[in-house]
C-alpha atoms as a PDB file:
ATOM      1  CA  MET A   1     -45.570 109.998-156.276  1.00  0.00           C
ATOM      2  CA  ASN A   2     -48.355 112.540-156.528  1.00  0.00           C
ATOM      3  CA  TYR A   3     -49.929 113.938-153.839  1.00  0.00           C
ATOM      4  CA  SER A   4     -51.439 117.373-152.924  1.00  0.00           C
ATOM      5  CA  GLU A   5     -53.088 119.252-150.301  1.00  0.00           C
ATOM      6  CA  THR A   6     -53.887 122.568-150.199  1.00  0.00           C
ATOM      7  CA  ALA A   7     -53.168 125.415-147.869  1.00  0.00           C
ATOM      8  CA  LYS A   8     -54.266 129.074-146.915  1.00  0.00           C
ATOM      9  CA  VAL A   9     -51.514 132.030-147.245  1.00  0.00           C
ATOM     10  CA  THR A  10     -52.335 133.447-143.521  1.00  0.00           C
ATOM     11  CA  SER A  11     -51.498 137.890-143.389  1.00  0.00           C
ATOM     12  CA  LYS A  12     -47.965 137.526-142.077  1.00  0.00           C
ATOM     13  CA  GLY A  13     -47.408 135.056-145.591  1.00  0.00           C
ATOM     14  CA  GLN A  14     -47.102 132.112-143.878  1.00  0.00           C
ATOM     15  CA  VAL A  15     -48.230 128.405-144.676  1.00  0.00           C
ATOM     16  CA  THR A  16     -48.881 125.894-142.580  1.00  0.00           C
ATOM     17  CA  ILE A  17     -47.700 122.816-144.129  1.00  0.00           C
ATOM     18  CA  PRO A  18     -50.156 119.600-143.860  1.00  0.00           C
ATOM     19  CA  SER A  19     -49.223 116.660-141.690  1.00  0.00           C
ATOM     20  CA  THR A  20     -48.981 113.989-144.294  1.00  0.00           C
ATOM     21  CA  ILE A  21     -46.819 115.856-146.072  1.00  0.00           C
ATOM     22  CA  ARG A  22     -44.590 116.581-143.051  1.00  0.00           C
ATOM     23  CA  GLU A  23     -44.589 112.835-142.401  1.00  0.00           C
ATOM     24  CA  ILE A  24     -43.516 111.992-146.406  1.00  0.00           C
ATOM     25  CA  LEU A  25     -40.863 114.645-146.310  1.00  0.00           C
ATOM     26  CA  LYS A  26     -39.736 113.489-142.801  1.00  0.00           C
ATOM     27  CA  LEU A  27     -40.062 117.190-141.557  1.00  0.00           C
ATOM     28  CA  GLU A  28     -39.920 118.205-137.845  1.00  0.00           C
ATOM     29  CA  PRO A  29     -40.330 120.925-135.855  1.00  0.00           C
ATOM     30  CA  GLY A  30     -37.078 123.135-136.896  1.00  0.00           C
ATOM     31  CA  SER A  31     -36.346 121.187-140.411  1.00  0.00           C
ATOM     32  CA  THR A  32     -35.003 123.932-142.755  1.00  0.00           C
ATOM     33  CA  VAL A  33     -36.933 123.955-146.355  1.00  0.00           C
ATOM     34  CA  MET A  34     -36.114 125.276-149.537  1.00  0.00           C
ATOM     35  CA  PHE A  35     -38.701 127.236-152.271  1.00  0.00           C
ATOM     36  CA  LYS A  36     -37.524 127.056-155.792  1.00  0.00           C
ATOM     37  CA  VAL A  37     -39.876 128.607-158.253  1.00  0.00           C
ATOM     38  CA  THR A  38     -39.898 126.973-161.959  1.00  0.00           C
ATOM     39  CA  ASP A  39     -42.406 127.174-165.063  1.00  0.00           C
ATOM     40  CA  LYS A  40     -44.575 124.422-163.534  1.00  0.00           C
ATOM     41  CA  GLY A  41     -44.626 125.521-159.845  1.00  0.00           C
ATOM     42  CA  VAL A  42     -43.167 126.118-156.853  1.00  0.00           C
ATOM     43  CA  ILE A  43     -40.488 123.182-155.357  1.00  0.00           C
ATOM     44  CA  LEU A  44     -40.895 122.636-151.855  1.00  0.00           C
ATOM     45  CA  SER A  45     -37.781 120.259-150.443  1.00  0.00           C
ATOM     46  CA  PRO A  46     -36.194 119.887-147.279  1.00  0.00           C
ATOM     47  CA  CYS A  47     -32.451 121.405-146.897  1.00  0.00           C
ATOM     48  CA  GLU A  48     -30.357 121.219-144.613  1.00  0.00           C
ATOM     49  CA  ILE A  49     -27.492 124.304-144.310  1.00  0.00           C
ATOM     50  CA  LYS A  50     -24.237 123.828-143.195  1.00  0.00           C
ATOM     51  CA  GLU A  51     -21.651 126.469-141.377  1.00  0.00           C
ATOM     52  CA  LYS A  52     -19.198 127.926-144.205  1.00  0.00           C
ATOM     53  CA  SER A  53     -16.114 129.458-142.813  1.00  0.00           C
ATOM     54  CA  VAL A  54     -14.950 132.609-143.747  1.00  0.00           C
ATOM     55  CA  TYR A  55     -11.929 131.496-143.413  1.00  0.00           C
ATOM     56  CA  THR A  56      -9.328 129.065-144.946  1.00  0.00           C
ATOM     57  CA  ALA A  57      -7.161 126.915-142.957  1.00  0.00           C
ATOM     58  CA  LYS A  58      -4.271 128.802-143.714  1.00  0.00           C
ATOM     59  CA  GLU A  59      -5.928 131.813-142.451  1.00  0.00           C
ATOM     60  CA  TRP A  60      -6.865 130.831-139.228  1.00  0.00           C
ATOM     61  CA  LYS A  61      -3.692 129.548-138.399  1.00  0.00           C
ATOM     62  CA  LYS A  62      -2.432 132.977-138.917  1.00  0.00           C
ATOM     63  CA  ILE A  63      -4.515 134.999-137.156  1.00  0.00           C
ATOM     64  CA  GLU A  64      -4.613 131.868-134.184  1.00  0.00           C
ATOM     65  CA  ARG A  65      -0.775 132.852-133.962  1.00  0.00           C
ATOM     66  CA  LEU A  66      -0.868 136.840-134.408  1.00  0.00           C
ATOM     67  CA  VAL A  67      -3.327 136.693-131.608  1.00  0.00           C
ATOM     68  CA  ALA A  68      -1.060 134.550-129.483  1.00  0.00           C
ATOM     69  CA  GLU A  69       1.625 137.149-130.351  1.00  0.00           C
ATOM     70  CA  LYS A  70       0.463 140.223-129.778  1.00  0.00           C
ATOM     71  CA  GLY A  71      -3.157 139.109-127.855  1.00  0.00           C
ATOM     72  CA  LYS A  72      -5.056 141.428-131.076  1.00  0.00           C
ATOM     73  CA  VAL A  73      -8.548 141.328-130.745  1.00  0.00           C
ATOM     74  CA  TYR A  74     -10.453 141.758-134.110  1.00  0.00           C
ATOM     75  CA  LYS A  75     -14.319 143.191-133.700  1.00  0.00           C
ATOM     76  CA  THR A  76     -15.749 141.971-136.759  1.00  0.00           C
ATOM     77  CA  PRO A  77     -14.589 139.081-139.476  1.00  0.00           C
ATOM     78  CA  ARG A  78     -13.696 141.280-142.119  1.00  0.00           C
ATOM     79  CA  GLU A  79     -11.517 143.464-140.167  1.00  0.00           C
ATOM     80  CA  ALA A  80      -9.371 140.365-139.094  1.00  0.00           C
ATOM     81  CA  LYS A  81      -9.673 139.409-143.073  1.00  0.00           C
ATOM     82  CA  LYS A  82      -8.747 142.440-143.841  1.00  0.00           C
ATOM     83  CA  HIS A  83      -5.583 142.071-141.715  1.00  0.00           C
ATOM     84  CA  VAL A  84      -4.767 138.450-142.669  1.00  0.00           C
ATOM     85  CA  LYS A  85      -4.816 139.902-146.611  1.00  0.00           C
ATOM     86  CA  SER A  86      -2.493 142.515-145.547  1.00  0.00           C
ATOM     87  CA  LEU A  87       0.477 139.923-144.498  1.00  0.00           C
END
């Protein structure tokens, strides 16, 4: 499919995606898009961002056990991960 429209960049670097293109890409308010720069231009495509845990299931079990046993509270994920690695 070949379809093109134009839009202006605002002083804040923002661009409104034309409604026809939003409909084609099924973009709704709150949708996430990805920009990819190639030799031929820029590709805009819808994407989904998924949260990824910083811990493995095994590490979470260790953390949960430690918290239950000692009542330890970690201020940051990095602090908790450092402690788990030291075990």
